[in-house]
Amino acid sequence: MLSQDKLLAGIILSVDKPRQWTSFQAVNKIKSAIRNLYGLKKFKIGHAGTLDPLATGLLLVCIGKATKSIPQLQDGDKVYTGTMVLGATTPCFDLEQAVDKYYPYQHLSLPSVQDAAQQFVGTIMQVPPMFSAVKVDGQRAYEYARKDDPTVIIQPKPVDVYSFEILSFREGSHQYTSSSIISQTEGVVHPGIHLYDHPLGSVPSHLPQIDFRIHCGKGTYIRSLARDLGFSLGSGAFLSDLRRERIGRFTVKESIGVNEVTNYLINLSNI
């Protein structure tokens, strides 16, 4: 088993965060496992780079003196894969909230989406989502969003997108009349609407989807890229699935589950 001295000297755990867990919950789970295993009451622990609750994938959890490396880890480049739904938007740009508006999408195709994605490669100006942890006048943006404060404006900031690949384009399975779409906008689920097989069950199947891979720098919001891509296509878009594959030299392929930490530390050599 890894000794307590080695643990407190500093280790970095690559953890695969589950869907619908906050990053804070994942860290707390690991903290509890370490307390039970070592009998520690106080020790340093933190994570490098928050993942939204609906996102999965790589979360770097730093323990002991390794917490000093959190700023450097956060500066590392990231790789994400996931899915965007075209032809609609949500207030938070993902599935945390229901669709609020529908847009034309019949003109979209794989080549048109691939061409549009290239507009967002390079150093770009990006407006973070209102439902995010970015600070505005000392408060988190999501605090204003929850109050539905229309006076708050988030300023754009430069971010680096090294590549934005569209891996596939899937057309919707059905076409609907304008009346059925209006009924959804008003919050009434049409009895004939089929939903994608999604954990949250809230993606109408008539909308097309794209799968993507993005390589980007620090501070890039993939939800904002979805919003901006949709508008650039003369439509709308939101994020339905997101997985972080890499942070710097760390990859999700080398990660462990949040429930595997105890066994991992027991089997870890002191060397």
C-alpha atoms as a PDB file:
ATOM      1  CA  MET A   1       0.000   0.000   0.000  1.00  0.00           C
ATOM      2  CA  LEU A   2       1.159   3.535  -0.648  1.00  0.00           C
ATOM      3  CA  SER A   3       2.490   4.925   2.620  1.00  0.00           C
ATOM      4  CA  GLN A   4       0.939   7.943   4.273  1.00  0.00           C
ATOM      5  CA  ASP A   5       4.216   9.839   3.879  1.00  0.00           C
ATOM      6  CA  LYS A   6       4.223   9.199   0.138  1.00  0.00           C
ATOM      7  CA  LEU A   7       0.578  10.189  -0.101  1.00  0.00           C
ATOM      8  CA  LEU A   8       1.118  13.511   1.668  1.00  0.00           C
ATOM      9  CA  ALA A   9       4.317  14.159  -0.274  1.00  0.00           C
ATOM     10  CA  GLY A  10       1.967  14.476  -3.224  1.00  0.00           C
ATOM     11  CA  ILE A  11       0.191  12.302  -5.778  1.00  0.00           C
ATOM     12  CA  ILE A  12      -2.091  13.066  -8.722  1.00  0.00           C
ATOM     13  CA  LEU A  13      -5.040  10.746  -9.322  1.00  0.00           C
ATOM     14  CA  SER A  14      -6.508  10.545 -12.821  1.00  0.00           C
ATOM     15  CA  VAL A  15     -10.202   9.928 -12.194  1.00  0.00           C
ATOM     16  CA  ASP A  16     -13.020   9.216 -14.652  1.00  0.00           C
ATOM     17  CA  LYS A  17     -15.858  11.427 -13.378  1.00  0.00           C
ATOM     18  CA  PRO A  18     -19.327   9.896 -13.787  1.00  0.00           C
ATOM     19  CA  ARG A  19     -22.245  11.661 -15.437  1.00  0.00           C
ATOM     20  CA  GLN A  20     -24.431  13.759 -13.103  1.00  0.00           C
ATOM     21  CA  TRP A  21     -21.703  14.028 -10.470  1.00  0.00           C
ATOM     22  CA  THR A  22     -20.230  17.444  -9.764  1.00  0.00           C
ATOM     23  CA  SER A  23     -16.455  17.682  -9.625  1.00  0.00           C
ATOM     24  CA  PHE A  24     -16.855  18.645  -5.951  1.00  0.00           C
ATOM     25  CA  GLN A  25     -18.788  15.432  -5.252  1.00  0.00           C
ATOM     26  CA  ALA A  26     -16.090  13.352  -6.920  1.00  0.00           C
ATOM     27  CA  VAL A  27     -13.369  14.987  -4.814  1.00  0.00           C
ATOM     28  CA  ASN A  28     -15.414  14.479  -1.638  1.00  0.00           C
ATOM     29  CA  LYS A  29     -15.839  10.790  -2.450  1.00  0.00           C
ATOM     30  CA  ILE A  30     -12.085  10.427  -2.818  1.00  0.00           C
ATOM     31  CA  LYS A  31     -11.466  12.453   0.337  1.00  0.00           C
ATOM     32  CA  SER A  32     -13.738  10.097   2.286  1.00  0.00           C
ATOM     33  CA  ALA A  33     -11.960   7.035   0.883  1.00  0.00           C
ATOM     34  CA  ILE A  34      -8.544   8.406   1.937  1.00  0.00           C
ATOM     35  CA  ARG A  35      -9.780   9.300   5.416  1.00  0.00           C
ATOM     36  CA  ASN A  36     -11.115   5.781   5.915  1.00  0.00           C
ATOM     37  CA  LEU A  37      -7.970   4.132   4.562  1.00  0.00           C
ATOM     38  CA  TYR A  38      -5.362   6.246   6.359  1.00  0.00           C
ATOM     39  CA  GLY A  39      -7.287   7.607   9.347  1.00  0.00           C
ATOM     40  CA  LEU A  40      -6.420  11.149   8.324  1.00  0.00           C
ATOM     41  CA  LYS A  41      -8.585  14.013   9.537  1.00  0.00           C
ATOM     42  CA  LYS A  42      -6.940  16.849   7.625  1.00  0.00           C
ATOM     43  CA  PHE A  43      -4.989  16.815   4.400  1.00  0.00           C
ATOM     44  CA  LYS A  44      -4.807  18.887   1.233  1.00  0.00           C
ATOM     45  CA  ILE A  45      -6.884  17.805  -1.752  1.00  0.00           C
ATOM     46  CA  GLY A  46      -8.230  19.586  -4.822  1.00  0.00           C
ATOM     47  CA  HIS A  47      -8.885  19.175  -8.527  1.00  0.00           C
ATOM     48  CA  ALA A  48      -7.452  20.782 -11.643  1.00  0.00           C
ATOM     49  CA  GLY A  49     -10.249  21.883 -13.946  1.00  0.00           C
ATOM     50  CA  THR A  50     -13.961  21.600 -13.203  1.00  0.00           C
ATOM     51  CA  LEU A  51     -16.185  19.355 -15.302  1.00  0.00           C
ATOM     52  CA  ASP A  52     -19.892  20.194 -15.617  1.00  0.00           C
ATOM     53  CA  PRO A  53     -22.234  17.692 -13.924  1.00  0.00           C
ATOM     54  CA  LEU A  54     -23.431  16.273 -17.260  1.00  0.00           C
ATOM     55  CA  ALA A  55     -19.870  15.812 -18.548  1.00  0.00           C
ATOM     56  CA  THR A  56     -17.799  12.697 -17.984  1.00  0.00           C
ATOM     57  CA  GLY A  57     -14.136  11.939 -18.261  1.00  0.00           C
ATOM     58  CA  LEU A  58     -10.784  12.997 -16.933  1.00  0.00           C
ATOM     59  CA  LEU A  59     -10.647  14.826 -13.608  1.00  0.00           C
ATOM     60  CA  LEU A  60      -7.205  15.332 -12.055  1.00  0.00           C
ATOM     61  CA  VAL A  61      -7.378  15.104  -8.264  1.00  0.00           C
ATOM     62  CA  CYS A  62      -4.285  16.375  -6.453  1.00  0.00           C
ATOM     63  CA  ILE A  63      -3.456  15.184  -2.942  1.00  0.00           C
ATOM     64  CA  GLY A  64      -0.941  16.528  -0.415  1.00  0.00           C
ATOM     65  CA  LYS A  65       1.832  18.694  -1.807  1.00  0.00           C
ATOM     66  CA  ALA A  66       0.661  17.915  -5.347  1.00  0.00           C
ATOM     67  CA  THR A  67      -2.046  20.563  -4.836  1.00  0.00           C
ATOM     68  CA  LYS A  68       0.710  23.100  -5.533  1.00  0.00           C
ATOM     69  CA  SER A  69       0.737  21.904  -9.147  1.00  0.00           C
ATOM     70  CA  ILE A  70      -2.979  22.628  -9.734  1.00  0.00           C
ATOM     71  CA  PRO A  71      -2.384  25.990 -11.513  1.00  0.00           C
ATOM     72  CA  GLN A  72       0.112  24.387 -13.916  1.00  0.00           C
ATOM     73  CA  LEU A  73      -2.203  21.448 -14.610  1.00  0.00           C
ATOM     74  CA  GLN A  74      -5.111  23.796 -15.305  1.00  0.00           C
ATOM     75  CA  ASP A  75      -2.984  25.576 -17.895  1.00  0.00           C
ATOM     76  CA  GLY A  76      -2.548  22.364 -19.873  1.00  0.00           C
ATOM     77  CA  ASP A  77      -4.267  21.849 -23.217  1.00  0.00           C
ATOM     78  CA  LYS A  78      -7.419  19.674 -23.270  1.00  0.00           C
ATOM     79  CA  VAL A  79      -9.074  17.228 -25.635  1.00  0.00           C
ATOM     80  CA  TYR A  80     -12.843  16.714 -25.584  1.00  0.00           C
ATOM     81  CA  THR A  81     -15.187  14.474 -27.530  1.00  0.00           C
ATOM     82  CA  GLY A  82     -18.953  14.613 -27.521  1.00  0.00           C
ATOM     83  CA  THR A  83     -22.203  15.290 -29.319  1.00  0.00           C
ATOM     84  CA  MET A  84     -24.072  18.457 -30.279  1.00  0.00           C
ATOM     85  CA  VAL A  85     -27.725  18.650 -31.289  1.00  0.00           C
ATOM     86  CA  LEU A  86     -28.535  21.039 -34.141  1.00  0.00           C
ATOM     87  CA  GLY A  87     -31.729  23.003 -34.746  1.00  0.00           C
ATOM     88  CA  ALA A  88     -32.472  24.047 -31.165  1.00  0.00           C
ATOM     89  CA  THR A  89     -31.042  25.870 -28.153  1.00  0.00           C
ATOM     90  CA  THR A  90     -31.276  25.638 -24.380  1.00  0.00           C
ATOM     91  CA  PRO A  91     -30.651  28.510 -21.912  1.00  0.00           C
ATOM     92  CA  CYS A  92     -27.550  26.813 -20.484  1.00  0.00           C
ATOM     93  CA  PHE A  93     -26.299  25.434 -23.843  1.00  0.00           C
ATOM     94  CA  ASP A  94     -26.572  21.818 -22.665  1.00  0.00           C
ATOM     95  CA  LEU A  95     -29.193  19.422 -21.261  1.00  0.00           C
ATOM     96  CA  GLU A  96     -29.317  20.913 -17.761  1.00  0.00           C
ATOM     97  CA  GLN A  97     -32.384  22.785 -19.026  1.00  0.00           C
ATOM     98  CA  ALA A  98     -35.061  22.028 -21.614  1.00  0.00           C
ATOM     99  CA  VAL A  99     -35.104  23.310 -25.190  1.00  0.00           C
ATOM    100  CA  ASP A 100     -36.288  26.924 -25.297  1.00  0.00           C
ATOM    101  CA  LYS A 101     -36.265  27.594 -29.049  1.00  0.00           C
ATOM    102  CA  TYR A 102     -36.204  25.721 -32.352  1.00  0.00           C
ATOM    103  CA  TYR A 103     -34.485  26.757 -35.606  1.00  0.00           C
ATOM    104  CA  PRO A 104     -34.340  25.623 -39.240  1.00  0.00           C
ATOM    105  CA  TYR A 105     -31.989  22.692 -39.744  1.00  0.00           C
ATOM    106  CA  GLN A 106     -32.989  21.084 -43.070  1.00  0.00           C
ATOM    107  CA  HIS A 107     -30.219  22.997 -44.881  1.00  0.00           C
ATOM    108  CA  LEU A 108     -27.458  21.451 -42.758  1.00  0.00           C
ATOM    109  CA  SER A 109     -25.078  18.708 -43.889  1.00  0.00           C
ATOM    110  CA  LEU A 110     -21.753  17.202 -42.867  1.00  0.00           C
ATOM    111  CA  PRO A 111     -19.722  19.423 -45.260  1.00  0.00           C
ATOM    112  CA  SER A 112     -21.496  22.617 -44.188  1.00  0.00           C
ATOM    113  CA  VAL A 113     -20.954  21.852 -40.509  1.00  0.00           C
ATOM    114  CA  GLN A 114     -17.309  20.913 -41.087  1.00  0.00           C
ATOM    115  CA  ASP A 115     -16.722  24.182 -42.939  1.00  0.00           C
ATOM    116  CA  ALA A 116     -18.395  26.229 -40.203  1.00  0.00           C
ATOM    117  CA  ALA A 117     -16.350  24.533 -37.469  1.00  0.00           C
ATOM    118  CA  GLN A 118     -13.126  25.847 -39.026  1.00  0.00           C
ATOM    119  CA  GLN A 119     -14.234  29.413 -38.222  1.00  0.00           C
ATOM    120  CA  PHE A 120     -13.586  28.585 -34.571  1.00  0.00           C
ATOM    121  CA  VAL A 121     -10.035  27.278 -34.939  1.00  0.00           C
ATOM    122  CA  GLY A 122      -7.283  29.580 -33.701  1.00  0.00           C
ATOM    123  CA  THR A 123      -7.376  32.278 -31.045  1.00  0.00           C
ATOM    124  CA  ILE A 124     -11.008  33.355 -30.876  1.00  0.00           C
ATOM    125  CA  MET A 125     -13.106  35.637 -28.690  1.00  0.00           C
ATOM    126  CA  GLN A 126     -15.628  33.629 -26.713  1.00  0.00           C
ATOM    127  CA  VAL A 127     -18.465  34.631 -24.372  1.00  0.00           C
ATOM    128  CA  PRO A 128     -18.763  32.114 -21.504  1.00  0.00           C
ATOM    129  CA  PRO A 129     -22.236  30.770 -20.661  1.00  0.00           C
ATOM    130  CA  MET A 130     -24.333  32.559 -18.041  1.00  0.00           C
ATOM    131  CA  PHE A 131     -24.679  29.195 -16.328  1.00  0.00           C
ATOM    132  CA  SER A 132     -20.971  28.933 -15.548  1.00  0.00           C
ATOM    133  CA  ALA A 133     -18.507  29.616 -12.733  1.00  0.00           C
ATOM    134  CA  VAL A 134     -16.906  32.601 -14.459  1.00  0.00           C
ATOM    135  CA  LYS A 135     -16.866  35.652 -12.168  1.00  0.00           C
ATOM    136  CA  VAL A 136     -18.734  38.859 -12.943  1.00  0.00           C
ATOM    137  CA  ASP A 137     -18.165  41.706 -10.453  1.00  0.00           C
ATOM    138  CA  GLY A 138     -16.996  39.227  -7.833  1.00  0.00           C
ATOM    139  CA  GLN A 139     -19.897  36.788  -8.209  1.00  0.00           C
ATOM    140  CA  ARG A 140     -20.244  33.582 -10.185  1.00  0.00           C
ATOM    141  CA  ALA A 141     -22.221  34.016 -13.388  1.00  0.00           C
ATOM    142  CA  TYR A 142     -24.589  31.169 -12.466  1.00  0.00           C
ATOM    143  CA  GLU A 143     -25.712  33.146  -9.392  1.00  0.00           C
ATOM    144  CA  TYR A 144     -26.975  35.927 -11.680  1.00  0.00           C
ATOM    145  CA  ALA A 145     -28.472  33.364 -14.054  1.00  0.00           C
ATOM    146  CA  ARG A 146     -30.490  31.771 -11.259  1.00  0.00           C
ATOM    147  CA  LYS A 147     -31.898  35.196 -10.405  1.00  0.00           C
ATOM    148  CA  ASP A 148     -32.660  35.758 -14.101  1.00  0.00           C
ATOM    149  CA  ASP A 149     -30.860  39.104 -13.909  1.00  0.00           C
ATOM    150  CA  PRO A 150     -31.001  40.654 -17.433  1.00  0.00           C
ATOM    151  CA  THR A 151     -28.574  43.468 -16.569  1.00  0.00           C
ATOM    152  CA  VAL A 152     -25.519  41.228 -16.294  1.00  0.00           C
ATOM    153  CA  ILE A 153     -23.274  41.062 -19.337  1.00  0.00           C
ATOM    154  CA  ILE A 154     -20.375  38.617 -19.568  1.00  0.00           C
ATOM    155  CA  GLN A 155     -17.461  40.035 -21.507  1.00  0.00           C
ATOM    156  CA  PRO A 156     -15.848  37.944 -24.254  1.00  0.00           C
ATOM    157  CA  LYS A 157     -12.385  36.560 -23.617  1.00  0.00           C
ATOM    158  CA  PRO A 158      -9.705  35.082 -25.892  1.00  0.00           C
ATOM    159  CA  VAL A 159      -9.382  31.283 -25.959  1.00  0.00           C
ATOM    160  CA  ASP A 160      -7.303  28.942 -28.101  1.00  0.00           C
ATOM    161  CA  VAL A 161      -8.906  26.217 -30.191  1.00  0.00           C
ATOM    162  CA  TYR A 162      -6.243  24.085 -31.861  1.00  0.00           C
ATOM    163  CA  SER A 163      -8.618  21.820 -33.779  1.00  0.00           C
ATOM    164  CA  PHE A 164     -12.389  21.327 -34.138  1.00  0.00           C
ATOM    165  CA  GLU A 165     -13.170  18.085 -35.953  1.00  0.00           C
ATOM    166  CA  ILE A 166     -16.697  17.054 -36.928  1.00  0.00           C
ATOM    167  CA  LEU A 167     -16.551  13.257 -36.858  1.00  0.00           C
ATOM    168  CA  SER A 168     -20.073  12.431 -38.013  1.00  0.00           C
ATOM    169  CA  PHE A 169     -23.433  13.941 -38.951  1.00  0.00           C
ATOM    170  CA  ARG A 170     -26.644  12.052 -38.150  1.00  0.00           C
ATOM    171  CA  GLU A 171     -29.940  13.210 -39.559  1.00  0.00           C
ATOM    172  CA  GLY A 172     -33.031  13.166 -37.349  1.00  0.00           C
ATOM    173  CA  SER A 173     -35.279  10.140 -37.549  1.00  0.00           C
ATOM    174  CA  HIS A 174     -38.582  12.017 -38.124  1.00  0.00           C
ATOM    175  CA  GLN A 175     -39.932  15.250 -39.538  1.00  0.00           C
ATOM    176  CA  TYR A 176     -42.585  17.213 -37.671  1.00  0.00           C
ATOM    177  CA  THR A 177     -45.040  19.936 -38.543  1.00  0.00           C
ATOM    178  CA  SER A 178     -44.523  23.473 -37.341  1.00  0.00           C
ATOM    179  CA  SER A 179     -47.461  23.079 -34.959  1.00  0.00           C
ATOM    180  CA  SER A 180     -45.841  20.165 -33.147  1.00  0.00           C
ATOM    181  CA  ILE A 181     -42.613  22.150 -32.739  1.00  0.00           C
ATOM    182  CA  ILE A 182     -44.506  25.148 -31.394  1.00  0.00           C
ATOM    183  CA  SER A 183     -46.226  22.938 -28.841  1.00  0.00           C
ATOM    184  CA  GLN A 184     -42.820  21.800 -27.585  1.00  0.00           C
ATOM    185  CA  THR A 185     -41.601  25.379 -27.330  1.00  0.00           C
ATOM    186  CA  GLU A 186     -44.529  26.142 -25.080  1.00  0.00           C
ATOM    187  CA  GLY A 187     -43.531  23.293 -22.800  1.00  0.00           C
ATOM    188  CA  VAL A 188     -46.123  20.755 -23.963  1.00  0.00           C
ATOM    189  CA  VAL A 189     -44.613  17.437 -25.060  1.00  0.00           C
ATOM    190  CA  HIS A 190     -46.393  16.239 -28.193  1.00  0.00           C
ATOM    191  CA  PRO A 191     -47.529  12.608 -27.731  1.00  0.00           C
ATOM    192  CA  GLY A 192     -45.961  11.617 -31.051  1.00  0.00           C
ATOM    193  CA  ILE A 193     -42.510  12.986 -30.211  1.00  0.00           C
ATOM    194  CA  HIS A 194     -39.846  10.297 -29.945  1.00  0.00           C
ATOM    195  CA  LEU A 195     -36.771  11.060 -27.836  1.00  0.00           C
ATOM    196  CA  TYR A 196     -33.192   9.969 -28.383  1.00  0.00           C
ATOM    197  CA  ASP A 197     -32.017   7.247 -26.038  1.00  0.00           C
ATOM    198  CA  HIS A 198     -30.315   9.717 -23.738  1.00  0.00           C
ATOM    199  CA  PRO A 199     -29.893   9.478 -19.940  1.00  0.00           C
ATOM    200  CA  LEU A 200     -31.934  12.655 -19.483  1.00  0.00           C
ATOM    201  CA  GLY A 201     -34.511  11.743 -22.137  1.00  0.00           C
ATOM    202  CA  SER A 202     -34.922  15.241 -23.520  1.00  0.00           C
ATOM    203  CA  VAL A 203     -33.568  15.316 -27.084  1.00  0.00           C
ATOM    204  CA  PRO A 204     -36.304  15.299 -29.772  1.00  0.00           C
ATOM    205  CA  SER A 205     -35.395  12.698 -32.395  1.00  0.00           C
ATOM    206  CA  HIS A 206     -36.231  14.863 -35.406  1.00  0.00           C
ATOM    207  CA  LEU A 207     -33.150  17.022 -34.763  1.00  0.00           C
ATOM    208  CA  PRO A 208     -29.805  16.153 -36.372  1.00  0.00           C
ATOM    209  CA  GLN A 209     -26.728  15.435 -34.274  1.00  0.00           C
ATOM    210  CA  ILE A 210     -23.000  15.800 -34.809  1.00  0.00           C
ATOM    211  CA  ASP A 211     -20.121  14.048 -33.058  1.00  0.00           C
ATOM    212  CA  PHE A 212     -16.963  16.096 -32.533  1.00  0.00           C
ATOM    213  CA  ARG A 213     -13.428  16.134 -31.217  1.00  0.00           C
ATOM    214  CA  ILE A 214     -11.968  19.413 -29.938  1.00  0.00           C
ATOM    215  CA  HIS A 215      -8.383  20.173 -28.910  1.00  0.00           C
ATOM    216  CA  CYS A 216      -8.262  23.465 -27.025  1.00  0.00           C
ATOM    217  CA  GLY A 217      -6.490  25.589 -24.465  1.00  0.00           C
ATOM    218  CA  LYS A 218      -7.316  26.749 -20.971  1.00  0.00           C
ATOM    219  CA  GLY A 219     -10.704  28.334 -20.294  1.00  0.00           C
ATOM    220  CA  THR A 220     -12.494  27.171 -23.447  1.00  0.00           C
ATOM    221  CA  TYR A 221     -16.196  26.459 -22.945  1.00  0.00           C
ATOM    222  CA  ILE A 222     -17.373  23.667 -25.243  1.00  0.00           C
ATOM    223  CA  ARG A 223     -20.984  24.670 -24.520  1.00  0.00           C
ATOM    224  CA  SER A 224     -20.239  28.126 -25.928  1.00  0.00           C
ATOM    225  CA  LEU A 225     -18.645  26.586 -29.011  1.00  0.00           C
ATOM    226  CA  ALA A 226     -21.886  24.637 -29.552  1.00  0.00           C
ATOM    227  CA  ARG A 227     -23.956  27.816 -29.268  1.00  0.00           C
ATOM    228  CA  ASP A 228     -21.698  29.767 -31.613  1.00  0.00           C
ATOM    229  CA  LEU A 229     -21.474  26.959 -34.157  1.00  0.00           C
ATOM    230  CA  GLY A 230     -25.265  26.728 -34.320  1.00  0.00           C
ATOM    231  CA  PHE A 231     -25.676  30.453 -34.922  1.00  0.00           C
ATOM    232  CA  SER A 232     -22.934  30.469 -37.567  1.00  0.00           C
ATOM    233  CA  LEU A 233     -24.946  27.818 -39.424  1.00  0.00           C
ATOM    234  CA  GLY A 234     -28.110  29.940 -39.390  1.00  0.00           C
ATOM    235  CA  SER A 235     -29.610  27.546 -36.864  1.00  0.00           C
ATOM    236  CA  GLY A 236     -29.135  26.645 -33.213  1.00  0.00           C
ATOM    237  CA  ALA A 237     -27.130  24.033 -31.327  1.00  0.00           C
ATOM    238  CA  PHE A 238     -26.581  22.708 -27.836  1.00  0.00           C
ATOM    239  CA  LEU A 239     -24.343  20.169 -26.171  1.00  0.00           C
ATOM    240  CA  SER A 240     -25.904  16.781 -25.387  1.00  0.00           C
ATOM    241  CA  ASP A 241     -22.782  14.817 -24.445  1.00  0.00           C
ATOM    242  CA  LEU A 242     -19.253  15.772 -23.402  1.00  0.00           C
ATOM    243  CA  ARG A 243     -16.254  13.713 -22.375  1.00  0.00           C
ATOM    244  CA  ARG A 244     -12.820  15.041 -21.443  1.00  0.00           C
ATOM    245  CA  GLU A 245     -10.211  12.747 -22.941  1.00  0.00           C
ATOM    246  CA  ARG A 246      -6.973  14.490 -22.048  1.00  0.00           C
ATOM    247  CA  ILE A 247      -5.369  17.214 -19.916  1.00  0.00           C
ATOM    248  CA  GLY A 248      -1.752  17.863 -20.854  1.00  0.00           C
ATOM    249  CA  ARG A 249       0.070  14.519 -20.580  1.00  0.00           C
ATOM    250  CA  PHE A 250      -2.763  12.814 -18.645  1.00  0.00           C
ATOM    251  CA  THR A 251      -5.375  10.753 -20.496  1.00  0.00           C
ATOM    252  CA  VAL A 252      -8.687   9.258 -19.471  1.00  0.00           C
ATOM    253  CA  LYS A 253      -7.474   5.842 -20.668  1.00  0.00           C
ATOM    254  CA  GLU A 254      -5.151   5.785 -17.656  1.00  0.00           C
ATOM    255  CA  SER A 255      -7.839   6.901 -15.177  1.00  0.00           C
ATOM    256  CA  ILE A 256      -9.669   5.025 -12.425  1.00  0.00           C
ATOM    257  CA  GLY A 257     -13.273   5.216 -11.232  1.00  0.00           C
ATOM    258  CA  VAL A 258     -14.163   7.235  -8.138  1.00  0.00           C
ATOM    259  CA  ASN A 259     -15.095   3.976  -6.370  1.00  0.00           C
ATOM    260  CA  GLU A 260     -11.738   2.357  -7.197  1.00  0.00           C
ATOM    261  CA  VAL A 261      -9.516   4.766  -5.262  1.00  0.00           C
ATOM    262  CA  THR A 262      -9.158   2.646  -2.114  1.00  0.00           C
ATOM    263  CA  ASN A 263      -8.057  -0.463  -4.014  1.00  0.00           C
ATOM    264  CA  TYR A 264      -5.796   1.621  -6.233  1.00  0.00           C
ATOM    265  CA  LEU A 265      -3.941   3.067  -3.217  1.00  0.00           C
ATOM    266  CA  ILE A 266      -3.753  -0.342  -1.529  1.00  0.00           C
ATOM    267  CA  ASN A 267      -2.152  -1.847  -4.637  1.00  0.00           C
ATOM    268  CA  LEU A 268       0.082   1.137  -5.359  1.00  0.00           C
ATOM    269  CA  SER A 269       3.800   0.612  -4.760  1.00  0.00           C
ATOM    270  CA  ASN A 270       5.859   3.124  -2.746  1.00  0.00           C
ATOM    271  CA  ILE A 271       8.453   3.158  -5.498  1.00  0.00           C
END
